[in-house]
PDB file of N, CA and C in Angstrom:
ATOM      1  N   MET A   1       0.679 -21.498  21.964  1.00  0.00           N
ATOM      2  CA  MET A   1      -0.066 -20.161  21.836  1.00  0.00           C
ATOM      3  C   MET A   1       0.294 -19.108  21.399  1.00  0.00           C
ATOM      4  N   ASN A   2      -0.061 -18.423  20.855  1.00  0.00           N
ATOM      5  CA  ASN A   2      -0.011 -16.933  20.786  1.00  0.00           C
ATOM      6  C   ASN A   2      -0.445 -15.770  21.881  1.00  0.00           C
ATOM      7  N   GLU A   3       0.316 -14.821  22.221  1.00  0.00           N
ATOM      8  CA  GLU A   3       0.230 -14.337  22.940  1.00  0.00           C
ATOM      9  C   GLU A   3      -0.712 -13.311  22.636  1.00  0.00           C
ATOM     10  N   TYR A   4      -1.066 -12.285  21.380  1.00  0.00           N
ATOM     11  CA  TYR A   4      -1.793 -11.842  21.384  1.00  0.00           C
ATOM     12  C   TYR A   4      -2.710 -11.595  19.698  1.00  0.00           C
ATOM     13  N   VAL A   5      -4.255 -11.305  19.849  1.00  0.00           N
ATOM     14  CA  VAL A   5      -4.634 -11.091  18.948  1.00  0.00           C
ATOM     15  C   VAL A   5      -4.911  -9.419  18.697  1.00  0.00           C
ATOM     16  N   TYR A   6      -5.202  -9.489  17.261  1.00  0.00           N
ATOM     17  CA  TYR A   6      -5.363  -8.109  16.269  1.00  0.00           C
ATOM     18  C   TYR A   6      -6.730  -8.191  16.634  1.00  0.00           C
ATOM     19  N   SER A   7      -7.292  -6.864  16.516  1.00  0.00           N
ATOM     20  CA  SER A   7      -8.617  -6.273  16.202  1.00  0.00           C
ATOM     21  C   SER A   7      -8.253  -5.403  15.292  1.00  0.00           C
ATOM     22  N   ALA A   8      -9.179  -5.366  13.767  1.00  0.00           N
ATOM     23  CA  ALA A   8      -8.811  -4.668  12.752  1.00  0.00           C
ATOM     24  C   ALA A   8      -9.822  -3.171  13.121  1.00  0.00           C
ATOM     25  N   ARG A   9     -10.924  -3.490  13.365  1.00  0.00           N
ATOM     26  CA  ARG A   9     -11.889  -2.747  13.907  1.00  0.00           C
ATOM     27  C   ARG A   9     -11.506  -1.610  14.698  1.00  0.00           C
ATOM     28  N   HIS A  10     -10.551  -1.919  15.779  1.00  0.00           N
ATOM     29  CA  HIS A  10      -9.650  -1.815  16.762  1.00  0.00           C
ATOM     30  C   HIS A  10      -8.467  -1.197  16.768  1.00  0.00           C
ATOM     31  N   ASN A  11      -7.765  -1.448  15.416  1.00  0.00           N
ATOM     32  CA  ASN A  11      -6.366  -1.387  14.774  1.00  0.00           C
ATOM     33  C   ASN A  11      -5.431  -1.288  16.294  1.00  0.00           C
ATOM     34  N   ALA A  12      -5.958  -2.409  16.584  1.00  0.00           N
ATOM     35  CA  ALA A  12      -4.972  -2.766  17.972  1.00  0.00           C
ATOM     36  C   ALA A  12      -4.567  -4.281  18.632  1.00  0.00           C
ATOM     37  N   PHE A  13      -3.901  -4.553  19.391  1.00  0.00           N
ATOM     38  CA  PHE A  13      -3.748  -5.800  19.534  1.00  0.00           C
ATOM     39  C   PHE A  13      -3.777  -5.923  21.188  1.00  0.00           C
ATOM     40  N   PHE A  14      -4.180  -6.858  21.307  1.00  0.00           N
ATOM     41  CA  PHE A  14      -5.225  -7.433  22.766  1.00  0.00           C
ATOM     42  C   PHE A  14      -4.141  -8.598  23.333  1.00  0.00           C
ATOM     43  N   PRO A  15      -3.952  -8.573  24.300  1.00  0.00           N
ATOM     44  CA  PRO A  15      -3.212  -9.760  25.217  1.00  0.00           C
ATOM     45  C   PRO A  15      -4.419 -10.705  25.442  1.00  0.00           C
ATOM     46  N   VAL A  16      -4.017 -12.176  24.848  1.00  0.00           N
ATOM     47  CA  VAL A  16      -4.856 -13.273  24.375  1.00  0.00           C
ATOM     48  C   VAL A  16      -5.417 -13.292  26.114  1.00  0.00           C
ATOM     49  N   ASP A  17      -4.689 -13.172  27.412  1.00  0.00           N
ATOM     50  CA  ASP A  17      -5.830 -14.053  28.662  1.00  0.00           C
ATOM     51  C   ASP A  17      -6.052 -12.173  29.175  1.00  0.00           C
ATOM     52  N   MET A  18      -5.920 -11.440  28.562  1.00  0.00           N
ATOM     53  CA  MET A  18      -7.029 -10.263  28.591  1.00  0.00           C
ATOM     54  C   MET A  18      -8.286 -10.179  27.853  1.00  0.00           C
ATOM     55  N   ILE A  19      -8.758 -11.107  27.002  1.00  0.00           N
ATOM     56  CA  ILE A  19      -9.856 -11.011  26.436  1.00  0.00           C
ATOM     57  C   ILE A  19     -10.957 -10.689  27.249  1.00  0.00           C
ATOM     58  N   ASP A  20     -11.495 -11.346  27.936  1.00  0.00           N
ATOM     59  CA  ASP A  20     -12.095 -12.076  28.805  1.00  0.00           C
ATOM     60  C   ASP A  20     -12.797 -10.507  29.633  1.00  0.00           C
ATOM     61  N   LYS A  21     -11.618  -9.823  29.773  1.00  0.00           N
ATOM     62  CA  LYS A  21     -11.897  -8.533  30.900  1.00  0.00           C
ATOM     63  C   LYS A  21     -12.002  -7.503  29.786  1.00  0.00           C
ATOM     64  N   TYR A  22     -11.681  -7.599  28.581  1.00  0.00           N
ATOM     65  CA  TYR A  22     -11.918  -6.608  27.622  1.00  0.00           C
ATOM     66  C   TYR A  22     -13.677  -6.746  26.993  1.00  0.00           C
ATOM     67  N   LYS A  23     -13.550  -8.014  26.662  1.00  0.00           N
ATOM     68  CA  LYS A  23     -15.586  -8.299  26.285  1.00  0.00           C
ATOM     69  C   LYS A  23     -16.308  -7.869  27.742  1.00  0.00           C
ATOM     70  N   SER A  24     -15.811  -7.975  29.007  1.00  0.00           N
ATOM     71  CA  SER A  24     -16.907  -8.158  29.939  1.00  0.00           C
ATOM     72  C   SER A  24     -17.169  -6.742  30.316  1.00  0.00           C
ATOM     73  N   GLU A  25     -15.832  -5.372  29.682  1.00  0.00           N
ATOM     74  CA  GLU A  25     -16.156  -4.064  29.982  1.00  0.00           C
ATOM     75  C   GLU A  25     -16.680  -3.423  28.406  1.00  0.00           C
ATOM     76  N   GLY A  26     -17.206  -4.533  27.692  1.00  0.00           N
ATOM     77  CA  GLY A  26     -17.842  -4.335  26.629  1.00  0.00           C
ATOM     78  C   GLY A  26     -17.494  -4.201  24.766  1.00  0.00           C
ATOM     79  N   TRP A  27     -16.401  -4.485  25.161  1.00  0.00           N
ATOM     80  CA  TRP A  27     -15.238  -4.301  23.732  1.00  0.00           C
ATOM     81  C   TRP A  27     -15.397  -5.553  22.789  1.00  0.00           C
ATOM     82  N   ASP A  28     -16.220  -5.132  21.709  1.00  0.00           N
ATOM     83  CA  ASP A  28     -16.469  -5.930  20.314  1.00  0.00           C
ATOM     84  C   ASP A  28     -15.111  -6.553  19.985  1.00  0.00           C
ATOM     85  N   LEU A  29     -14.536  -7.506  20.413  1.00  0.00           N
ATOM     86  CA  LEU A  29     -13.507  -7.799  19.548  1.00  0.00           C
ATOM     87  C   LEU A  29     -13.969  -9.417  19.048  1.00  0.00           C
ATOM     88  N   SER A  30     -15.080  -9.612  18.093  1.00  0.00           N
ATOM     89  CA  SER A  30     -15.649 -10.093  17.473  1.00  0.00           C
ATOM     90  C   SER A  30     -14.244 -10.659  15.981  1.00  0.00           C
ATOM     91  N   ASP A  31     -14.051  -9.346  16.249  1.00  0.00           N
ATOM     92  CA  ASP A  31     -13.189  -9.861  14.722  1.00  0.00           C
ATOM     93  C   ASP A  31     -11.549 -10.220  15.134  1.00  0.00           C
ATOM     94  N   ALA A  32     -11.336 -10.263  15.959  1.00  0.00           N
ATOM     95  CA  ALA A  32      -9.767 -10.611  16.633  1.00  0.00           C
ATOM     96  C   ALA A  32      -9.430 -11.941  15.897  1.00  0.00           C
ATOM     97  N   LYS A  33      -8.071 -11.596  15.869  1.00  0.00           N
ATOM     98  CA  LYS A  33      -7.294 -12.729  14.833  1.00  0.00           C
ATOM     99  C   LYS A  33      -6.052 -13.142  15.631  1.00  0.00           C
ATOM    100  N   GLU A  34      -5.734 -13.975  15.848  1.00  0.00           N
ATOM    101  CA  GLU A  34      -4.450 -14.726  16.467  1.00  0.00           C
ATOM    102  C   GLU A  34      -3.823 -14.367  15.313  1.00  0.00           C
ATOM    103  N   VAL A  35      -2.208 -13.212  15.701  1.00  0.00           N
ATOM    104  CA  VAL A  35      -1.173 -13.243  14.531  1.00  0.00           C
ATOM    105  C   VAL A  35       0.172 -14.021  15.510  1.00  0.00           C
ATOM    106  N   ASN A  36       0.781 -14.328  14.475  1.00  0.00           N
ATOM    107  CA  ASN A  36       2.245 -14.717  15.195  1.00  0.00           C
ATOM    108  C   ASN A  36       3.036 -13.698  15.512  1.00  0.00           C
ATOM    109  N   GLN A  37       4.130 -14.230  15.808  1.00  0.00           N
ATOM    110  CA  GLN A  37       5.093 -13.123  16.747  1.00  0.00           C
ATOM    111  C   GLN A  37       6.054 -12.480  15.881  1.00  0.00           C
ATOM    112  N   ASN A  38       6.201 -12.538  14.487  1.00  0.00           N
ATOM    113  CA  ASN A  38       7.001 -11.850  13.537  1.00  0.00           C
ATOM    114  C   ASN A  38       5.772 -10.688  13.323  1.00  0.00           C
ATOM    115  N   ILE A  39       4.284 -10.711  12.930  1.00  0.00           N
ATOM    116  CA  ILE A  39       3.502  -9.585  12.803  1.00  0.00           C
ATOM    117  C   ILE A  39       3.743  -8.771  14.190  1.00  0.00           C
ATOM    118  N   ILE A  40       3.584  -9.839  15.560  1.00  0.00           N
ATOM    119  CA  ILE A  40       3.510  -8.616  16.822  1.00  0.00           C
ATOM    120  C   ILE A  40       5.261  -7.828  16.749  1.00  0.00           C
ATOM    121  N   SER A  41       6.000  -8.383  16.575  1.00  0.00           N
ATOM    122  CA  SER A  41       7.239  -7.784  16.305  1.00  0.00           C
ATOM    123  C   SER A  41       7.263  -6.536  15.450  1.00  0.00           C
ATOM    124  N   GLU A  42       7.145  -6.343  14.256  1.00  0.00           N
ATOM    125  CA  GLU A  42       6.845  -5.569  13.193  1.00  0.00           C
ATOM    126  C   GLU A  42       5.966  -4.588  13.713  1.00  0.00           C
ATOM    127  N   PHE A  43       4.261  -4.815  13.930  1.00  0.00           N
ATOM    128  CA  PHE A  43       3.291  -4.175  14.148  1.00  0.00           C
ATOM    129  C   PHE A  43       3.571  -3.405  15.236  1.00  0.00           C
ATOM    130  N   MET A  44       3.908  -4.001  16.413  1.00  0.00           N
ATOM    131  CA  MET A  44       4.236  -3.175  17.820  1.00  0.00           C
ATOM    132  C   MET A  44       5.014  -2.657  18.039  1.00  0.00           C
ATOM    133  N   ALA A  45       6.542  -2.295  16.916  1.00  0.00           N
ATOM    134  CA  ALA A  45       7.502  -1.538  17.228  1.00  0.00           C
ATOM    135  C   ALA A  45       6.876  -0.641  16.393  1.00  0.00           C
ATOM    136  N   GLU A  46       8.046   0.737  16.444  1.00  0.00           N
ATOM    137  CA  GLU A  46       7.861   1.946  15.808  1.00  0.00           C
ATOM    138  C   GLU A  46       7.647   1.719  14.705  1.00  0.00           C
ATOM    139  N   PRO A  47       6.565   2.578  13.977  1.00  0.00           N
ATOM    140  CA  PRO A  47       6.151   2.116  12.532  1.00  0.00           C
ATOM    141  C   PRO A  47       7.859   2.740  11.331  1.00  0.00           C
ATOM    142  N   PRO A  48       7.828   2.653   9.950  1.00  0.00           N
ATOM    143  CA  PRO A  48       8.594   3.199   9.540  1.00  0.00           C
ATOM    144  C   PRO A  48       8.459   4.441   9.161  1.00  0.00           C
ATOM    145  N   GLN A  49       9.448   5.286   8.567  1.00  0.00           N
ATOM    146  CA  GLN A  49       9.264   6.259   8.867  1.00  0.00           C
ATOM    147  C   GLN A  49       8.335   6.967   7.577  1.00  0.00           C
ATOM    148  N   GLY A  50       7.395   7.575   7.577  1.00  0.00           N
ATOM    149  CA  GLY A  50       5.930   8.359   6.949  1.00  0.00           C
ATOM    150  C   GLY A  50       5.147   7.403   6.679  1.00  0.00           C
ATOM    151  N   LYS A  51       4.942   6.339   8.134  1.00  0.00           N
ATOM    152  CA  LYS A  51       3.949   5.131   7.839  1.00  0.00           C
ATOM    153  C   LYS A  51       3.376   5.213   8.812  1.00  0.00           C
ATOM    154  N   ILE A  52       1.801   4.923   9.036  1.00  0.00           N
ATOM    155  CA  ILE A  52       1.182   4.600  10.024  1.00  0.00           C
ATOM    156  C   ILE A  52       0.444   2.971   9.835  1.00  0.00           C
ATOM    157  N   ARG A  53       0.076   2.373  11.119  1.00  0.00           N
ATOM    158  CA  ARG A  53      -0.414   1.428  10.962  1.00  0.00           C
ATOM    159  C   ARG A  53      -1.914   1.294  10.981  1.00  0.00           C
ATOM    160  N   ILE A  54      -2.507   0.645   9.752  1.00  0.00           N
ATOM    161  CA  ILE A  54      -3.747   0.478   9.931  1.00  0.00           C
ATOM    162  C   ILE A  54      -4.383  -0.989   9.549  1.00  0.00           C
ATOM    163  N   ALA A  55      -5.233  -1.178   9.563  1.00  0.00           N
ATOM    164  CA  ALA A  55      -6.164  -2.587   9.272  1.00  0.00           C
ATOM    165  C   ALA A  55      -6.247  -3.023   8.066  1.00  0.00           C
ATOM    166  N   GLY A  56      -5.534  -3.755   7.532  1.00  0.00           N
ATOM    167  CA  GLY A  56      -5.363  -4.485   6.143  1.00  0.00           C
ATOM    168  C   GLY A  56      -6.919  -4.963   5.920  1.00  0.00           C
ATOM    169  N   ASP A  57      -7.048  -4.655   4.549  1.00  0.00           N
ATOM    170  CA  ASP A  57      -8.218  -5.886   3.602  1.00  0.00           C
ATOM    171  C   ASP A  57      -8.191  -7.125   4.572  1.00  0.00           C
ATOM    172  N   ASP A  58      -7.351  -7.741   4.640  1.00  0.00           N
ATOM    173  CA  ASP A  58      -7.372  -9.150   5.337  1.00  0.00           C
ATOM    174  C   ASP A  58      -7.648  -9.278   6.954  1.00  0.00           C
ATOM    175  N   GLY A  59      -7.966  -8.158   7.581  1.00  0.00           N
ATOM    176  CA  GLY A  59      -7.807  -8.190   8.997  1.00  0.00           C
ATOM    177  C   GLY A  59      -6.534  -8.279   9.454  1.00  0.00           C
ATOM    178  N   LEU A  60      -5.949  -8.090   9.085  1.00  0.00           N
ATOM    179  CA  LEU A  60      -4.405  -8.167   9.873  1.00  0.00           C
ATOM    180  C   LEU A  60      -3.567  -6.436   9.826  1.00  0.00           C
ATOM    181  N   PRO A  61      -2.873  -6.809  11.012  1.00  0.00           N
ATOM    182  CA  PRO A  61      -2.317  -4.897  10.430  1.00  0.00           C
ATOM    183  C   PRO A  61      -1.373  -4.535   9.040  1.00  0.00           C
ATOM    184  N   ALA A  62      -1.249  -3.970   8.706  1.00  0.00           N
ATOM    185  CA  ALA A  62      -0.289  -3.796   7.398  1.00  0.00           C
ATOM    186  C   ALA A  62       0.191  -1.869   7.748  1.00  0.00           C
ATOM    187  N   TRP A  63       0.992  -1.466   6.769  1.00  0.00           N
ATOM    188  CA  TRP A  63       1.591   0.029   6.757  1.00  0.00           C
ATOM    189  C   TRP A  63       1.099   1.071   6.020  1.00  0.00           C
ATOM    190  N   ALA A  64       0.246   2.001   6.089  1.00  0.00           N
ATOM    191  CA  ALA A  64       0.356   2.778   4.903  1.00  0.00           C
ATOM    192  C   ALA A  64       0.451   4.430   4.916  1.00  0.00           C
ATOM    193  N   ASP A  65       1.064   4.679   4.192  1.00  0.00           N
ATOM    194  CA  ASP A  65       1.585   5.829   4.210  1.00  0.00           C
ATOM    195  C   ASP A  65       0.682   7.174   5.299  1.00  0.00           C
ATOM    196  N   ILE A  66       1.268   7.837   5.502  1.00  0.00           N
ATOM    197  CA  ILE A  66       0.893   8.777   6.122  1.00  0.00           C
ATOM    198  C   ILE A  66       0.050  10.341   5.316  1.00  0.00           C
ATOM    199  N   PRO A  67      -1.557  10.232   5.244  1.00  0.00           N
ATOM    200  CA  PRO A  67      -1.638  11.022   4.252  1.00  0.00           C
ATOM    201  C   PRO A  67      -1.372  12.496   5.243  1.00  0.00           C
ATOM    202  N   PRO A  68      -1.505  13.454   3.733  1.00  0.00           N
ATOM    203  CA  PRO A  68      -0.985  14.696   3.839  1.00  0.00           C
ATOM    204  C   PRO A  68      -1.984  15.348   4.630  1.00  0.00           C
ATOM    205  N   PRO A  69      -1.456  16.663   5.322  1.00  0.00           N
ATOM    206  CA  PRO A  69      -2.435  17.239   6.210  1.00  0.00           C
ATOM    207  C   PRO A  69      -3.224  18.091   5.630  1.00  0.00           C
ATOM    208  N   THR A  70      -4.562  18.037   6.319  1.00  0.00           N
ATOM    209  CA  THR A  70      -5.937  19.043   5.714  1.00  0.00           C
ATOM    210  C   THR A  70      -5.546  20.108   5.496  1.00  0.00           C
ATOM    211  N   HIS A  71      -6.343  21.149   4.951  1.00  0.00           N
ATOM    212  CA  HIS A  71      -6.444  22.711   4.696  1.00  0.00           C
ATOM    213  C   HIS A  71      -6.429  23.295   6.141  1.00  0.00           C
ATOM    214  N   GLU A  72      -7.302  23.014   6.608  1.00  0.00           N
ATOM    215  CA  GLU A  72      -7.174  23.495   8.155  1.00  0.00           C
ATOM    216  C   GLU A  72      -6.141  22.975   8.582  1.00  0.00           C
ATOM    217  N   GLU A  73      -5.600  21.616   8.997  1.00  0.00           N
ATOM    218  CA  GLU A  73      -4.477  21.393   9.533  1.00  0.00           C
ATOM    219  C   GLU A  73      -3.121  22.464   8.969  1.00  0.00           C
ATOM    220  N   LEU A  74      -2.784  22.529   7.663  1.00  0.00           N
ATOM    221  CA  LEU A  74      -2.233  23.459   7.446  1.00  0.00           C
ATOM    222  C   LEU A  74      -2.342  24.890   7.794  1.00  0.00           C
ATOM    223  N   ILE A  75      -3.274  25.670   8.073  1.00  0.00           N
ATOM    224  CA  ILE A  75      -4.123  26.930   8.552  1.00  0.00           C
ATOM    225  C   ILE A  75      -3.031  26.425  10.069  1.00  0.00           C
ATOM    226  N   GLU A  76      -3.600  25.521  10.720  1.00  0.00           N
ATOM    227  CA  GLU A  76      -3.273  25.508  12.086  1.00  0.00           C
ATOM    228  C   GLU A  76      -2.163  25.706  12.425  1.00  0.00           C
ATOM    229  N   ILE A  77      -1.317  24.683  11.570  1.00  0.00           N
ATOM    230  CA  ILE A  77       0.627  24.474  12.067  1.00  0.00           C
ATOM    231  C   ILE A  77       1.097  26.094  11.346  1.00  0.00           C
ATOM    232  N   THR A  78       0.281  26.608  10.457  1.00  0.00           N
ATOM    233  CA  THR A  78       1.123  27.776  10.149  1.00  0.00           C
ATOM    234  C   THR A  78       0.902  28.716  11.222  1.00  0.00           C
ATOM    235  N   GLU A  79      -0.227  28.582  11.594  1.00  0.00           N
ATOM    236  CA  GLU A  79      -0.703  29.965  12.469  1.00  0.00           C
ATOM    237  C   GLU A  79       0.098  29.589  14.041  1.00  0.00           C
ATOM    238  N   SER A  80       0.405  28.688  14.134  1.00  0.00           N
ATOM    239  CA  SER A  80       1.540  28.369  15.629  1.00  0.00           C
ATOM    240  C   SER A  80       2.604  28.797  15.320  1.00  0.00           C
ATOM    241  N   GLU A  81       3.398  28.388  14.026  1.00  0.00           N
ATOM    242  CA  GLU A  81       4.474  28.862  13.813  1.00  0.00           C
ATOM    243  C   GLU A  81       4.692  30.513  13.477  1.00  0.00           C
ATOM    244  N   ARG A  82       3.449  30.769  13.161  1.00  0.00           N
ATOM    245  CA  ARG A  82       3.612  32.306  13.013  1.00  0.00           C
ATOM    246  C   ARG A  82       3.607  32.871  14.535  1.00  0.00           C
ATOM    247  N   GLN A  83       2.989  32.272  15.676  1.00  0.00           N
ATOM    248  CA  GLN A  83       2.855  33.362  16.663  1.00  0.00           C
ATOM    249  C   GLN A  83       3.765  32.929  17.609  1.00  0.00           C
ATOM    250  N   LEU A  84       4.542  31.753  17.213  1.00  0.00           N
ATOM    251  CA  LEU A  84       5.986  31.684  17.643  1.00  0.00           C
ATOM    252  C   LEU A  84       7.044  31.991  17.722  1.00  0.00           C
ATOM    253  N   LEU A  85       7.163  32.876  16.286  1.00  0.00           N
ATOM    254  CA  LEU A  85       7.821  34.094  15.985  1.00  0.00           C
ATOM    255  C   LEU A  85       7.492  35.145  16.666  1.00  0.00           C
ATOM    256  N   ILE A  86       6.079  35.412  16.400  1.00  0.00           N
ATOM    257  CA  ILE A  86       5.660  37.283  17.623  1.00  0.00           C
ATOM    258  C   ILE A  86       6.457  36.701  18.616  1.00  0.00           C
ATOM    259  N   ASN A  87       5.915  35.472  19.488  1.00  0.00           N
ATOM    260  CA  ASN A  87       6.668  35.653  20.992  1.00  0.00           C
ATOM    261  C   ASN A  87       8.213  35.577  21.216  1.00  0.00           C
ATOM    262  N   GLN A  88       8.524  35.039  20.297  1.00  0.00           N
ATOM    263  CA  GLN A  88      10.164  35.008  20.091  1.00  0.00           C
ATOM    264  C   GLN A  88      11.160  36.416  19.876  1.00  0.00           C
ATOM    265  N   ALA A  89       9.931  37.362  18.609  1.00  0.00           N
ATOM    266  CA  ALA A  89      10.327  38.239  18.735  1.00  0.00           C
ATOM    267  C   ALA A  89      10.057  39.481  19.725  1.00  0.00           C
ATOM    268  N   ASN A  90       8.978  39.678  20.113  1.00  0.00           N
ATOM    269  CA  ASN A  90       8.707  40.170  21.552  1.00  0.00           C
ATOM    270  C   ASN A  90       9.650  40.251  22.730  1.00  0.00           C
ATOM    271  N   GLU A  91       9.934  38.863  22.966  1.00  0.00           N
ATOM    272  CA  GLU A  91      11.227  38.532  23.797  1.00  0.00           C
ATOM    273  C   GLU A  91      12.667  39.346  23.398  1.00  0.00           C
ATOM    274  N   TYR A  92      12.873  39.225  22.515  1.00  0.00           N
ATOM    275  CA  TYR A  92      14.087  39.765  22.224  1.00  0.00           C
ATOM    276  C   TYR A  92      13.845  41.144  22.528  1.00  0.00           C
ATOM    277  N   MET A  93      12.558  42.147  21.842  1.00  0.00           N
ATOM    278  CA  MET A  93      12.651  43.223  22.507  1.00  0.00           C
ATOM    279  C   MET A  93      12.231  43.226  23.692  1.00  0.00           C
ATOM    280  N   ASN A  94      11.964  42.724  24.412  1.00  0.00           N
ATOM    281  CA  ASN A  94      11.242  43.170  25.682  1.00  0.00           C
ATOM    282  C   ASN A  94      12.562  43.224  26.560  1.00  0.00           C
ATOM    283  N   SER A  95      13.768  42.238  26.181  1.00  0.00           N
ATOM    284  CA  SER A  95      14.907  41.989  27.008  1.00  0.00           C
ATOM    285  C   SER A  95      15.749  42.944  26.985  1.00  0.00           C
ATOM    286  N   LYS A  96      15.650  43.949  25.470  1.00  0.00           N
ATOM    287  CA  LYS A  96      16.917  45.183  25.194  1.00  0.00           C
ATOM    288  C   LYS A  96      16.285  46.388  26.239  1.00  0.00           C
ATOM    289  N   GLN A  97      17.268  47.124  26.515  1.00  0.00           N
ATOM    290  CA  GLN A  97      16.905  48.456  27.016  1.00  0.00           C
ATOM    291  C   GLN A  97      16.933  49.446  26.074  1.00  0.00           C
ATOM    292  N   TRP A  98      15.510  49.535  25.493  1.00  0.00           N
ATOM    293  CA  TRP A  98      15.407  50.457  24.011  1.00  0.00           C
ATOM    294  C   TRP A  98      15.838  51.697  24.203  1.00  0.00           C
ATOM    295  N   PRO A  99      16.700  52.946  23.844  1.00  0.00           N
ATOM    296  CA  PRO A  99      16.695  54.196  24.875  1.00  0.00           C
ATOM    297  C   PRO A  99      15.152  54.919  23.851  1.00  0.00           C
ATOM    298  N   GLY A 100      14.743  55.520  25.234  1.00  0.00           N
ATOM    299  CA  GLY A 100      13.372  56.342  24.633  1.00  0.00           C
ATOM    300  C   GLY A 100      13.662  57.955  24.055  1.00  0.00           C
ATOM    301  N   LYS A 101      12.563  58.325  23.794  1.00  0.00           N
ATOM    302  CA  LYS A 101      12.720  59.883  23.445  1.00  0.00           C
ATOM    303  C   LYS A 101      12.584  60.744  24.236  1.00  0.00           C
ATOM    304  N   ALA A 102      13.849  61.641  24.760  1.00  0.00           N
ATOM    305  CA  ALA A 102      13.500  62.366  25.305  1.00  0.00           C
ATOM    306  C   ALA A 102      13.544  63.729  25.153  1.00  0.00           C
TER     307      ALA A 102
END
């Protein structure tokens, strides 16, 4: 018997011996499928570079390319980098004893 089932709805693996507990807590695992050890080993490990785990059309896990960041995410990343550079510049300037005008 397999140790895990895979739910495409949740894109997650669940231990077979805990299915009843999940169901009693309100989880809908009606789409859960038994998976073999090869699938478990591949998809419970670190994903390949540039990939994420998705639910495939067959209801089993699959690898897909990580989508590019949205425009809003790019703005947020750029703003974070900008703020980091400002903070580094301020730290540098504050660590020096600059001669004042006398």
